[in-house]
PDB file of N, CA and C in Angstrom:
ATOM      1  N   GLY A   1      91.196 100.564  59.728  1.00  0.00           N
ATOM      2  CA  GLY A   1      90.801 101.608  59.133  1.00  0.00           C
ATOM      3  C   GLY A   1      89.989 101.240  57.817  1.00  0.00           C
ATOM      4  N   LEU A   2      89.399 102.172  57.003  1.00  0.00           N
ATOM      5  CA  LEU A   2      88.677 102.161  55.811  1.00  0.00           C
ATOM      6  C   LEU A   2      89.662 101.645  54.824  1.00  0.00           C
ATOM      7  N   VAL A   3      90.780 102.395  54.667  1.00  0.00           N
ATOM      8  CA  VAL A   3      91.682 102.199  53.542  1.00  0.00           C
ATOM      9  C   VAL A   3      91.999 100.646  53.611  1.00  0.00           C
ATOM     10  N   LEU A   4      92.311  99.959  55.095  1.00  0.00           N
ATOM     11  CA  LEU A   4      92.554  98.738  55.116  1.00  0.00           C
ATOM     12  C   LEU A   4      91.480  97.780  54.693  1.00  0.00           C
ATOM     13  N   GLU A   5      90.351  98.085  54.982  1.00  0.00           N
ATOM     14  CA  GLU A   5      89.298  97.322  54.678  1.00  0.00           C
ATOM     15  C   GLU A   5      89.082  97.242  53.081  1.00  0.00           C
ATOM     16  N   LEU A   6      89.207  98.438  52.306  1.00  0.00           N
ATOM     17  CA  LEU A   6      89.113  98.529  50.885  1.00  0.00           C
ATOM     18  C   LEU A   6      90.264  97.644  50.490  1.00  0.00           C
ATOM     19  N   LEU A   7      91.548  97.734  50.673  1.00  0.00           N
ATOM     20  CA  LEU A   7      92.703  96.995  50.363  1.00  0.00           C
ATOM     21  C   LEU A   7      92.199  95.459  50.408  1.00  0.00           C
ATOM     22  N   LYS A   8      92.017  95.139  51.613  1.00  0.00           N
ATOM     23  CA  LYS A   8      91.725  93.877  51.908  1.00  0.00           C
ATOM     24  C   LYS A   8      90.436  93.242  50.925  1.00  0.00           C
ATOM     25  N   GLU A   9      89.472  93.836  50.773  1.00  0.00           N
ATOM     26  CA  GLU A   9      88.370  93.540  49.853  1.00  0.00           C
ATOM     27  C   GLU A   9      88.971  93.195  48.365  1.00  0.00           C
ATOM     28  N   ALA A  10      89.510  94.198  47.957  1.00  0.00           N
ATOM     29  CA  ALA A  10      90.042  94.177  46.501  1.00  0.00           C
ATOM     30  C   ALA A  10      91.079  93.078  46.547  1.00  0.00           C
ATOM     31  N   MET A  11      91.966  92.534  47.617  1.00  0.00           N
ATOM     32  CA  MET A  11      93.050  91.581  47.436  1.00  0.00           C
ATOM     33  C   MET A  11      92.400  90.247  47.417  1.00  0.00           C
ATOM     34  N   VAL A  12      91.315  90.312  48.305  1.00  0.00           N
ATOM     35  CA  VAL A  12      90.597  88.937  48.628  1.00  0.00           C
ATOM     36  C   VAL A  12      89.800  88.592  47.145  1.00  0.00           C
ATOM     37  N   SER A  13      89.392  89.428  46.351  1.00  0.00           N
ATOM     38  CA  SER A  13      88.834  89.516  45.196  1.00  0.00           C
ATOM     39  C   SER A  13      89.729  88.762  43.988  1.00  0.00           C
ATOM     40  N   LYS A  14      90.795  89.054  44.162  1.00  0.00           N
ATOM     41  CA  LYS A  14      91.817  88.765  43.262  1.00  0.00           C
ATOM     42  C   LYS A  14      92.652  87.477  43.598  1.00  0.00           C
ATOM     43  N   LEU A  15      92.319  86.979  44.621  1.00  0.00           N
ATOM     44  CA  LEU A  15      93.242  85.670  45.137  1.00  0.00           C
ATOM     45  C   LEU A  15      93.340  84.559  44.170  1.00  0.00           C
ATOM     46  N   GLY A  16      94.528  83.960  43.939  1.00  0.00           N
ATOM     47  CA  GLY A  16      94.172  82.697  42.770  1.00  0.00           C
ATOM     48  C   GLY A  16      94.465  83.533  41.518  1.00  0.00           C
ATOM     49  N   ASP A  17      94.260  84.651  41.344  1.00  0.00           N
ATOM     50  CA  ASP A  17      94.336  85.494  39.765  1.00  0.00           C
ATOM     51  C   ASP A  17      95.617  86.037  39.823  1.00  0.00           C
ATOM     52  N   THR A  18      96.597  86.075  40.933  1.00  0.00           N
ATOM     53  CA  THR A  18      97.709  86.930  40.888  1.00  0.00           C
ATOM     54  C   THR A  18      98.919  86.299  41.435  1.00  0.00           C
ATOM     55  N   LYS A  19     100.237  86.632  41.203  1.00  0.00           N
ATOM     56  CA  LYS A  19     101.484  86.164  42.296  1.00  0.00           C
ATOM     57  C   LYS A  19     101.629  87.080  43.247  1.00  0.00           C
ATOM     58  N   GLY A  20     100.787  88.322  43.209  1.00  0.00           N
ATOM     59  CA  GLY A  20     100.892  89.010  44.589  1.00  0.00           C
ATOM     60  C   GLY A  20     100.627  90.409  44.487  1.00  0.00           C
ATOM     61  N   PHE A  21     100.486  91.365  45.374  1.00  0.00           N
ATOM     62  CA  PHE A  21      99.915  92.621  45.016  1.00  0.00           C
ATOM     63  C   PHE A  21     101.281  93.739  45.283  1.00  0.00           C
ATOM     64  N   LEU A  22     101.051  94.769  44.465  1.00  0.00           N
ATOM     65  CA  LEU A  22     101.642  96.004  44.628  1.00  0.00           C
ATOM     66  C   LEU A  22     101.024  97.266  45.370  1.00  0.00           C
ATOM     67  N   ILE A  23     101.263  97.456  46.646  1.00  0.00           N
ATOM     68  CA  ILE A  23     100.408  98.499  47.074  1.00  0.00           C
ATOM     69  C   ILE A  23     101.433  99.874  47.244  1.00  0.00           C
ATOM     70  N   ASP A  24     100.864 100.616  46.665  1.00  0.00           N
ATOM     71  CA  ASP A  24     101.638 102.121  46.538  1.00  0.00           C
ATOM     72  C   ASP A  24     101.137 102.917  47.604  1.00  0.00           C
ATOM     73  N   GLY A  25     102.133 103.359  48.422  1.00  0.00           N
ATOM     74  CA  GLY A  25     101.927 104.561  49.311  1.00  0.00           C
ATOM     75  C   GLY A  25     101.160 104.024  50.644  1.00  0.00           C
ATOM     76  N   TYR A  26     101.495 102.977  50.863  1.00  0.00           N
ATOM     77  CA  TYR A  26     100.705 102.094  51.986  1.00  0.00           C
ATOM     78  C   TYR A  26     101.310 101.082  52.624  1.00  0.00           C
ATOM     79  N   PRO A  27     101.703 100.895  53.760  1.00  0.00           N
ATOM     80  CA  PRO A  27     101.118 101.783  55.087  1.00  0.00           C
ATOM     81  C   PRO A  27     102.211 103.163  54.964  1.00  0.00           C
ATOM     82  N   ARG A  28     101.341 104.107  55.567  1.00  0.00           N
ATOM     83  CA  ARG A  28     102.219 105.472  55.883  1.00  0.00           C
ATOM     84  C   ARG A  28     102.665 105.434  57.001  1.00  0.00           C
ATOM     85  N   ASP A  29     102.547 104.812  57.961  1.00  0.00           N
ATOM     86  CA  ASP A  29     103.109 105.119  59.294  1.00  0.00           C
ATOM     87  C   ASP A  29     102.969 103.483  60.050  1.00  0.00           C
ATOM     88  N   LEU A  30     103.649 103.604  61.090  1.00  0.00           N
ATOM     89  CA  LEU A  30     104.130 102.267  62.084  1.00  0.00           C
ATOM     90  C   LEU A  30     102.426 101.780  62.446  1.00  0.00           C
ATOM     91  N   LYS A  31     101.725 102.597  62.841  1.00  0.00           N
ATOM     92  CA  LYS A  31     100.216 102.067  63.360  1.00  0.00           C
ATOM     93  C   LYS A  31      99.640 101.445  61.900  1.00  0.00           C
ATOM     94  N   ASP A  32      99.778 101.840  60.838  1.00  0.00           N
ATOM     95  CA  ASP A  32      99.191 101.330  59.653  1.00  0.00           C
ATOM     96  C   ASP A  32      99.763  99.912  59.224  1.00  0.00           C
ATOM     97  N   ALA A  33     101.144  99.979  59.504  1.00  0.00           N
ATOM     98  CA  ALA A  33     101.878  98.479  59.361  1.00  0.00           C
ATOM     99  C   ALA A  33     101.246  97.429  60.348  1.00  0.00           C
ATOM    100  N   GLU A  34     100.998  97.648  61.573  1.00  0.00           N
ATOM    101  CA  GLU A  34     100.962  97.003  62.420  1.00  0.00           C
ATOM    102  C   GLU A  34      99.219  96.188  62.275  1.00  0.00           C
ATOM    103  N   GLU A  35      98.447  97.360  61.985  1.00  0.00           N
ATOM    104  CA  GLU A  35      97.362  96.947  61.676  1.00  0.00           C
ATOM    105  C   GLU A  35      96.909  96.120  60.180  1.00  0.00           C
ATOM    106  N   PHE A  36      97.653  96.405  59.278  1.00  0.00           N
ATOM    107  CA  PHE A  36      98.062  95.680  58.089  1.00  0.00           C
ATOM    108  C   PHE A  36      98.533  94.068  58.484  1.00  0.00           C
ATOM    109  N   GLU A  37      99.489  94.021  59.192  1.00  0.00           N
ATOM    110  CA  GLU A  37      99.904  92.615  59.379  1.00  0.00           C
ATOM    111  C   GLU A  37      99.101  91.652  60.159  1.00  0.00           C
ATOM    112  N   SER A  38      98.220  92.526  61.242  1.00  0.00           N
ATOM    113  CA  SER A  38      97.109  91.796  62.017  1.00  0.00           C
ATOM    114  C   SER A  38      95.967  91.487  61.365  1.00  0.00           C
ATOM    115  N   LYS A  39      95.333  92.188  60.105  1.00  0.00           N
ATOM    116  CA  LYS A  39      94.281  91.798  59.616  1.00  0.00           C
ATOM    117  C   LYS A  39      94.682  91.284  58.146  1.00  0.00           C
ATOM    118  N   ILE A  40      95.733  91.305  57.691  1.00  0.00           N
ATOM    119  CA  ILE A  40      96.123  90.755  56.219  1.00  0.00           C
ATOM    120  C   ILE A  40      97.163  89.906  56.494  1.00  0.00           C
ATOM    121  N   GLY A  41      98.311  90.109  56.828  1.00  0.00           N
ATOM    122  CA  GLY A  41      99.520  89.398  56.859  1.00  0.00           C
ATOM    123  C   GLY A  41     100.700  90.380  56.808  1.00  0.00           C
ATOM    124  N   GLU A  42     101.867  89.628  57.045  1.00  0.00           N
ATOM    125  CA  GLU A  42     103.270  90.309  56.966  1.00  0.00           C
ATOM    126  C   GLU A  42     103.481  90.161  55.314  1.00  0.00           C
ATOM    127  N   PRO A  43     103.918  91.498  54.734  1.00  0.00           N
ATOM    128  CA  PRO A  43     104.018  91.600  53.451  1.00  0.00           C
ATOM    129  C   PRO A  43     105.709  90.822  53.337  1.00  0.00           C
ATOM    130  N   LYS A  44     105.698  90.092  52.018  1.00  0.00           N
ATOM    131  CA  LYS A  44     106.848  89.527  51.723  1.00  0.00           C
ATOM    132  C   LYS A  44     107.951  90.113  51.399  1.00  0.00           C
ATOM    133  N   LEU A  45     107.736  91.371  50.372  1.00  0.00           N
ATOM    134  CA  LEU A  45     108.608  92.474  50.179  1.00  0.00           C
ATOM    135  C   LEU A  45     108.255  93.836  50.382  1.00  0.00           C
ATOM    136  N   VAL A  46     108.899  94.756  50.883  1.00  0.00           N
ATOM    137  CA  VAL A  46     108.716  96.185  50.944  1.00  0.00           C
ATOM    138  C   VAL A  46     109.778  96.780  50.244  1.00  0.00           C
ATOM    139  N   LEU A  47     109.467  97.758  49.354  1.00  0.00           N
ATOM    140  CA  LEU A  47     110.208  98.768  48.581  1.00  0.00           C
ATOM    141  C   LEU A  47     110.099  99.906  49.184  1.00  0.00           C
ATOM    142  N   CYS A  48     111.238 100.454  49.228  1.00  0.00           N
ATOM    143  CA  CYS A  48     111.285 101.827  49.907  1.00  0.00           C
ATOM    144  C   CYS A  48     112.188 102.584  48.835  1.00  0.00           C
ATOM    145  N   LEU A  49     111.526 103.469  48.095  1.00  0.00           N
ATOM    146  CA  LEU A  49     112.034 104.363  47.202  1.00  0.00           C
ATOM    147  C   LEU A  49     113.066 105.559  47.866  1.00  0.00           C
ATOM    148  N   ASP A  50     114.239 105.256  47.750  1.00  0.00           N
ATOM    149  CA  ASP A  50     115.093 106.301  48.321  1.00  0.00           C
ATOM    150  C   ASP A  50     115.918 107.349  47.522  1.00  0.00           C
ATOM    151  N   CYS A  51     115.300 108.673  47.982  1.00  0.00           N
ATOM    152  CA  CYS A  51     116.040 109.652  47.424  1.00  0.00           C
ATOM    153  C   CYS A  51     116.370 111.015  48.377  1.00  0.00           C
ATOM    154  N   SER A  52     117.201 111.576  48.035  1.00  0.00           N
ATOM    155  CA  SER A  52     117.474 112.837  49.035  1.00  0.00           C
ATOM    156  C   SER A  52     116.177 113.802  49.262  1.00  0.00           C
ATOM    157  N   ALA A  53     116.415 114.528  50.103  1.00  0.00           N
ATOM    158  CA  ALA A  53     115.393 115.670  50.538  1.00  0.00           C
ATOM    159  C   ALA A  53     115.139 116.726  49.483  1.00  0.00           C
ATOM    160  N   GLU A  54     116.627 117.067  49.004  1.00  0.00           N
ATOM    161  CA  GLU A  54     116.697 117.883  47.831  1.00  0.00           C
ATOM    162  C   GLU A  54     115.854 117.444  46.596  1.00  0.00           C
ATOM    163  N   THR A  55     116.067 115.936  46.102  1.00  0.00           N
ATOM    164  CA  THR A  55     115.229 115.444  45.097  1.00  0.00           C
ATOM    165  C   THR A  55     113.692 115.564  45.329  1.00  0.00           C
ATOM    166  N   MET A  56     113.370 115.036  46.525  1.00  0.00           N
ATOM    167  CA  MET A  56     111.887 115.166  46.934  1.00  0.00           C
ATOM    168  C   MET A  56     111.406 116.514  46.559  1.00  0.00           C
ATOM    169  N   SER A  57     111.990 117.567  47.228  1.00  0.00           N
ATOM    170  CA  SER A  57     111.729 118.728  47.369  1.00  0.00           C
ATOM    171  C   SER A  57     111.504 119.486  45.680  1.00  0.00           C
ATOM    172  N   SER A  58     112.398 119.258  44.905  1.00  0.00           N
ATOM    173  CA  SER A  58     112.330 119.642  43.331  1.00  0.00           C
ATOM    174  C   SER A  58     111.236 118.627  42.934  1.00  0.00           C
ATOM    175  N   ARG A  59     110.728 117.491  43.115  1.00  0.00           N
ATOM    176  CA  ARG A  59     109.791 116.998  42.544  1.00  0.00           C
ATOM    177  C   ARG A  59     108.563 117.151  42.919  1.00  0.00           C
ATOM    178  N   LEU A  60     108.197 117.643  44.090  1.00  0.00           N
ATOM    179  CA  LEU A  60     106.976 118.149  44.979  1.00  0.00           C
ATOM    180  C   LEU A  60     106.852 119.309  44.150  1.00  0.00           C
ATOM    181  N   LEU A  61     107.830 120.276  44.346  1.00  0.00           N
ATOM    182  CA  LEU A  61     107.836 121.776  43.559  1.00  0.00           C
ATOM    183  C   LEU A  61     107.327 121.802  42.025  1.00  0.00           C
ATOM    184  N   MET A  62     107.652 120.983  41.215  1.00  0.00           N
ATOM    185  CA  MET A  62     107.536 120.692  39.842  1.00  0.00           C
ATOM    186  C   MET A  62     106.236 120.202  39.684  1.00  0.00           C
ATOM    187  N   ARG A  63     105.748 119.152  40.597  1.00  0.00           N
ATOM    188  CA  ARG A  63     104.536 118.660  40.614  1.00  0.00           C
ATOM    189  C   ARG A  63     103.168 119.642  41.110  1.00  0.00           C
ATOM    190  N   ASN A  64     103.636 120.287  41.872  1.00  0.00           N
ATOM    191  CA  ASN A  64     102.833 121.353  42.496  1.00  0.00           C
ATOM    192  C   ASN A  64     102.956 122.792  42.191  1.00  0.00           C
ATOM    193  N   GLN A  65     103.560 122.944  40.862  1.00  0.00           N
ATOM    194  CA  GLN A  65     104.010 124.376  40.580  1.00  0.00           C
ATOM    195  C   GLN A  65     103.165 125.645  40.980  1.00  0.00           C
ATOM    196  N   ASN A  66     102.007 125.285  40.633  1.00  0.00           N
ATOM    197  CA  ASN A  66     100.945 126.500  40.965  1.00  0.00           C
ATOM    198  C   ASN A  66     100.571 126.648  42.699  1.00  0.00           C
ATOM    199  N   SER A  67     100.664 125.450  43.417  1.00  0.00           N
ATOM    200  CA  SER A  67     100.173 125.712  44.949  1.00  0.00           C
ATOM    201  C   SER A  67     101.182 125.365  45.720  1.00  0.00           C
ATOM    202  N   GLY A  68     102.276 125.077  45.261  1.00  0.00           N
ATOM    203  CA  GLY A  68     103.418 124.751  46.423  1.00  0.00           C
ATOM    204  C   GLY A  68     104.407 125.789  46.622  1.00  0.00           C
ATOM    205  N   ASN A  69     104.814 126.013  47.836  1.00  0.00           N
ATOM    206  CA  ASN A  69     106.002 126.891  48.188  1.00  0.00           C
ATOM    207  C   ASN A  69     106.953 126.223  48.750  1.00  0.00           C
ATOM    208  N   THR A  70     108.186 126.632  49.034  1.00  0.00           N
ATOM    209  CA  THR A  70     109.130 125.748  49.445  1.00  0.00           C
ATOM    210  C   THR A  70     108.898 125.786  50.895  1.00  0.00           C
ATOM    211  N   GLU A  71     108.285 126.338  51.776  1.00  0.00           N
ATOM    212  CA  GLU A  71     108.025 126.111  53.075  1.00  0.00           C
ATOM    213  C   GLU A  71     106.933 125.063  53.158  1.00  0.00           C
ATOM    214  N   THR A  72     105.874 125.071  52.288  1.00  0.00           N
ATOM    215  CA  THR A  72     105.175 123.880  52.603  1.00  0.00           C
ATOM    216  C   THR A  72     105.618 122.582  52.271  1.00  0.00           C
ATOM    217  N   THR A  73     106.369 122.732  51.057  1.00  0.00           N
ATOM    218  CA  THR A  73     107.225 121.535  50.616  1.00  0.00           C
ATOM    219  C   THR A  73     108.110 120.872  51.838  1.00  0.00           C
ATOM    220  N   GLU A  74     108.995 121.757  52.451  1.00  0.00           N
ATOM    221  CA  GLU A  74     109.777 121.532  53.518  1.00  0.00           C
ATOM    222  C   GLU A  74     108.874 120.930  54.653  1.00  0.00           C
ATOM    223  N   GLU A  75     107.781 121.434  54.986  1.00  0.00           N
ATOM    224  CA  GLU A  75     107.159 120.481  55.976  1.00  0.00           C
ATOM    225  C   GLU A  75     106.278 119.338  55.569  1.00  0.00           C
ATOM    226  N   ARG A  76     106.065 119.039  54.445  1.00  0.00           N
ATOM    227  CA  ARG A  76     105.634 117.935  53.787  1.00  0.00           C
ATOM    228  C   ARG A  76     106.623 116.661  53.900  1.00  0.00           C
ATOM    229  N   ILE A  77     108.151 117.332  53.522  1.00  0.00           N
ATOM    230  CA  ILE A  77     109.237 116.262  53.593  1.00  0.00           C
ATOM    231  C   ILE A  77     109.405 115.773  55.111  1.00  0.00           C
ATOM    232  N   GLU A  78     109.542 116.960  56.134  1.00  0.00           N
ATOM    233  CA  GLU A  78     109.626 116.558  57.263  1.00  0.00           C
ATOM    234  C   GLU A  78     108.696 115.658  57.917  1.00  0.00           C
ATOM    235  N   SER A  79     107.177 115.652  57.490  1.00  0.00           N
ATOM    236  CA  SER A  79     106.380 115.067  57.986  1.00  0.00           C
ATOM    237  C   SER A  79     106.552 113.908  57.600  1.00  0.00           C
ATOM    238  N   TYR A  80     106.978 113.533  56.201  1.00  0.00           N
ATOM    239  CA  TYR A  80     107.065 112.077  55.684  1.00  0.00           C
ATOM    240  C   TYR A  80     108.268 111.348  56.235  1.00  0.00           C
ATOM    241  N   TYR A  81     109.483 112.004  56.689  1.00  0.00           N
ATOM    242  CA  TYR A  81     110.633 111.657  57.443  1.00  0.00           C
ATOM    243  C   TYR A  81     110.181 110.954  58.828  1.00  0.00           C
ATOM    244  N   GLN A  82     109.236 111.920  59.645  1.00  0.00           N
ATOM    245  CA  GLN A  82     108.733 111.594  60.859  1.00  0.00           C
ATOM    246  C   GLN A  82     107.933 110.360  60.841  1.00  0.00           C
ATOM    247  N   ALA A  83     107.081 110.039  59.735  1.00  0.00           N
ATOM    248  CA  ALA A  83     106.496 108.955  59.711  1.00  0.00           C
ATOM    249  C   ALA A  83     107.090 107.823  59.242  1.00  0.00           C
ATOM    250  N   SER A  84     107.653 108.010  58.284  1.00  0.00           N
ATOM    251  CA  SER A  84     108.508 106.840  57.357  1.00  0.00           C
ATOM    252  C   SER A  84     109.760 106.266  58.132  1.00  0.00           C
ATOM    253  N   ASN A  85     110.526 107.091  58.918  1.00  0.00           N
ATOM    254  CA  ASN A  85     111.843 106.516  59.437  1.00  0.00           C
ATOM    255  C   ASN A  85     111.456 105.085  60.440  1.00  0.00           C
ATOM    256  N   PRO A  86     110.494 105.313  61.366  1.00  0.00           N
ATOM    257  CA  PRO A  86     110.202 104.319  62.145  1.00  0.00           C
ATOM    258  C   PRO A  86     109.681 103.193  61.343  1.00  0.00           C
ATOM    259  N   LEU A  87     109.012 103.285  60.341  1.00  0.00           N
ATOM    260  CA  LEU A  87     108.255 102.441  59.366  1.00  0.00           C
ATOM    261  C   LEU A  87     109.439 101.708  58.615  1.00  0.00           C
ATOM    262  N   ILE A  88     110.316 102.495  58.294  1.00  0.00           N
ATOM    263  CA  ILE A  88     111.423 101.654  57.438  1.00  0.00           C
ATOM    264  C   ILE A  88     112.312 100.917  58.625  1.00  0.00           C
ATOM    265  N   ALA A  89     112.599 101.178  59.589  1.00  0.00           N
ATOM    266  CA  ALA A  89     113.290 100.367  60.690  1.00  0.00           C
ATOM    267  C   ALA A  89     112.445  99.422  61.036  1.00  0.00           C
ATOM    268  N   TYR A  90     111.112  99.411  61.109  1.00  0.00           N
ATOM    269  CA  TYR A  90     110.209  98.395  61.481  1.00  0.00           C
ATOM    270  C   TYR A  90     110.427  97.363  60.212  1.00  0.00           C
ATOM    271  N   TYR A  91     110.318  97.733  59.057  1.00  0.00           N
ATOM    272  CA  TYR A  91     110.344  96.689  57.876  1.00  0.00           C
ATOM    273  C   TYR A  91     111.711  95.895  57.998  1.00  0.00           C
ATOM    274  N   GLU A  92     112.855  96.901  58.087  1.00  0.00           N
ATOM    275  CA  GLU A  92     113.913  96.345  58.146  1.00  0.00           C
ATOM    276  C   GLU A  92     114.273  95.328  59.190  1.00  0.00           C
ATOM    277  N   SER A  93     113.679  95.216  60.171  1.00  0.00           N
ATOM    278  CA  SER A  93     113.865  94.165  61.305  1.00  0.00           C
ATOM    279  C   SER A  93     113.081  93.016  61.236  1.00  0.00           C
ATOM    280  N   LYS A  94     111.744  93.139  60.310  1.00  0.00           N
ATOM    281  CA  LYS A  94     110.874  92.053  60.166  1.00  0.00           C
ATOM    282  C   LYS A  94     110.867  91.362  58.841  1.00  0.00           C
ATOM    283  N   THR A  95     111.116  91.928  57.741  1.00  0.00           N
ATOM    284  CA  THR A  95     110.755  91.722  56.496  1.00  0.00           C
ATOM    285  C   THR A  95     111.871  91.843  55.420  1.00  0.00           C
ATOM    286  N   GLN A  96     111.623  91.559  54.349  1.00  0.00           N
ATOM    287  CA  GLN A  96     112.655  91.869  53.052  1.00  0.00           C
ATOM    288  C   GLN A  96     112.481  93.362  52.782  1.00  0.00           C
ATOM    289  N   LEU A  97     113.213  94.373  53.290  1.00  0.00           N
ATOM    290  CA  LEU A  97     113.213  95.809  52.901  1.00  0.00           C
ATOM    291  C   LEU A  97     113.941  95.821  51.718  1.00  0.00           C
ATOM    292  N   CYS A  98     113.708  96.515  50.602  1.00  0.00           N
ATOM    293  CA  CYS A  98     114.629  96.606  49.643  1.00  0.00           C
ATOM    294  C   CYS A  98     114.412  98.215  49.193  1.00  0.00           C
ATOM    295  N   LYS A  99     115.424  98.713  49.542  1.00  0.00           N
ATOM    296  CA  LYS A  99     115.750 100.185  49.019  1.00  0.00           C
ATOM    297  C   LYS A  99     115.953 100.316  47.714  1.00  0.00           C
ATOM    298  N   VAL A 100     115.245 101.080  46.903  1.00  0.00           N
ATOM    299  CA  VAL A 100     115.530 101.338  45.379  1.00  0.00           C
ATOM    300  C   VAL A 100     115.982 102.994  45.357  1.00  0.00           C
ATOM    301  N   ASP A 101     117.216 102.650  44.695  1.00  0.00           N
ATOM    302  CA  ASP A 101     117.479 104.263  44.394  1.00  0.00           C
ATOM    303  C   ASP A 101     116.707 105.065  43.430  1.00  0.00           C
ATOM    304  N   ALA A 102     116.286 105.979  43.922  1.00  0.00           N
ATOM    305  CA  ALA A 102     115.024 106.899  43.315  1.00  0.00           C
ATOM    306  C   ALA A 102     115.457 108.486  42.784  1.00  0.00           C
ATOM    307  N   GLU A 103     116.831 108.292  42.765  1.00  0.00           N
ATOM    308  CA  GLU A 103     117.512 109.671  42.412  1.00  0.00           C
ATOM    309  C   GLU A 103     117.342 109.923  40.898  1.00  0.00           C
ATOM    310  N   GLY A 104     117.355 108.841  39.989  1.00  0.00           N
ATOM    311  CA  GLY A 104     117.338 108.951  38.481  1.00  0.00           C
ATOM    312  C   GLY A 104     115.900 109.566  38.061  1.00  0.00           C
ATOM    313  N   THR A 105     115.997 109.283  36.766  1.00  0.00           N
ATOM    314  CA  THR A 105     114.516 109.583  36.058  1.00  0.00           C
ATOM    315  C   THR A 105     113.412 108.473  36.378  1.00  0.00           C
ATOM    316  N   GLN A 106     112.362 108.984  35.943  1.00  0.00           N
ATOM    317  CA  GLN A 106     111.143 107.984  36.323  1.00  0.00           C
ATOM    318  C   GLN A 106     111.524 106.817  35.623  1.00  0.00           C
ATOM    319  N   GLU A 107     111.818 106.886  34.567  1.00  0.00           N
ATOM    320  CA  GLU A 107     111.886 105.676  33.609  1.00  0.00           C
ATOM    321  C   GLU A 107     113.268 104.678  34.516  1.00  0.00           C
ATOM    322  N   ASP A 108     114.037 105.439  34.877  1.00  0.00           N
ATOM    323  CA  ASP A 108     115.097 104.621  35.667  1.00  0.00           C
ATOM    324  C   ASP A 108     114.755 103.983  36.959  1.00  0.00           C
ATOM    325  N   VAL A 109     113.835 104.803  37.561  1.00  0.00           N
ATOM    326  CA  VAL A 109     113.375 104.272  38.803  1.00  0.00           C
ATOM    327  C   VAL A 109     112.465 103.188  38.506  1.00  0.00           C
ATOM    328  N   PHE A 110     111.566 103.314  37.381  1.00  0.00           N
ATOM    329  CA  PHE A 110     110.807 102.251  37.174  1.00  0.00           C
ATOM    330  C   PHE A 110     111.455 100.909  36.764  1.00  0.00           C
ATOM    331  N   LEU A 111     112.594 100.926  36.007  1.00  0.00           N
ATOM    332  CA  LEU A 111     113.392  99.909  35.579  1.00  0.00           C
ATOM    333  C   LEU A 111     113.968  99.225  36.928  1.00  0.00           C
ATOM    334  N   GLU A 112     114.322  99.975  37.868  1.00  0.00           N
ATOM    335  CA  GLU A 112     115.177  99.503  38.965  1.00  0.00           C
ATOM    336  C   GLU A 112     114.045  98.815  40.215  1.00  0.00           C
ATOM    337  N   ILE A 113     112.694  99.204  39.886  1.00  0.00           N
ATOM    338  CA  ILE A 113     111.615  98.611  40.674  1.00  0.00           C
ATOM    339  C   ILE A 113     111.535  97.266  40.081  1.00  0.00           C
ATOM    340  N   CYS A 114     111.208  97.290  38.788  1.00  0.00           N
ATOM    341  CA  CYS A 114     110.973  96.294  37.945  1.00  0.00           C
ATOM    342  C   CYS A 114     112.111  94.867  38.192  1.00  0.00           C
ATOM    343  N   LYS A 115     113.229  95.396  38.190  1.00  0.00           N
ATOM    344  CA  LYS A 115     114.416  94.622  38.515  1.00  0.00           C
ATOM    345  C   LYS A 115     114.370  93.899  39.903  1.00  0.00           C
ATOM    346  N   THR A 116     113.999  94.706  40.901  1.00  0.00           N
ATOM    347  CA  THR A 116     113.935  94.224  42.206  1.00  0.00           C
ATOM    348  C   THR A 116     112.811  93.151  42.321  1.00  0.00           C
ATOM    349  N   ILE A 117     111.549  93.628  41.773  1.00  0.00           N
ATOM    350  CA  ILE A 117     110.574  92.644  41.873  1.00  0.00           C
ATOM    351  C   ILE A 117     110.823  91.317  41.243  1.00  0.00           C
ATOM    352  N   ASP A 118     111.533  91.500  40.013  1.00  0.00           N
ATOM    353  CA  ASP A 118     111.677  90.321  39.240  1.00  0.00           C
ATOM    354  C   ASP A 118     112.810  89.359  39.873  1.00  0.00           C
ATOM    355  N   SER A 119     113.863  90.033  40.365  1.00  0.00           N
ATOM    356  CA  SER A 119     114.362  89.107  41.076  1.00  0.00           C
ATOM    357  C   SER A 119     113.946  88.112  42.478  1.00  0.00           C
ATOM    358  N   PHE A 120     112.977  89.153  43.120  1.00  0.00           N
ATOM    359  CA  PHE A 120     112.373  88.636  44.182  1.00  0.00           C
ATOM    360  C   PHE A 120     111.360  87.442  43.737  1.00  0.00           C
ATOM    361  N   LEU A 121     110.812  87.642  42.669  1.00  0.00           N
ATOM    362  CA  LEU A 121     109.770  86.375  42.331  1.00  0.00           C
ATOM    363  C   LEU A 121     110.561  85.218  41.856  1.00  0.00           C
ATOM    364  N   LYS A 122     111.782  85.476  41.399  1.00  0.00           N
ATOM    365  CA  LYS A 122     112.602  84.124  41.026  1.00  0.00           C
ATOM    366  C   LYS A 122     112.910  82.876  41.824  1.00  0.00           C
TER     367      LYS A 122
END
């Protein structure tokens, strides 16, 4: 797909200048993951930001104060789980999946992500 081609182009242009790439929000489903592996390669590390549905809901409602309602938010969360659960299982079986506790503040979660990446790069 288009997203994958843009990712590949951006990654190729930076080869040699970096230790790796952090791709946020992709792949979104199993089909994307399989396509990524066939065209780019298997990721060395996959981070999963893990928080409860309640935390997701409150964050989505805060972010979309004017446009979001509880029903729409619940539908988005359900859709997320339907797409991500098979994806998480796939990466658990194939590669190094690290679940990061994302219940804390943005700063806490960011620090936890940094620690996870730092320990992986050592």
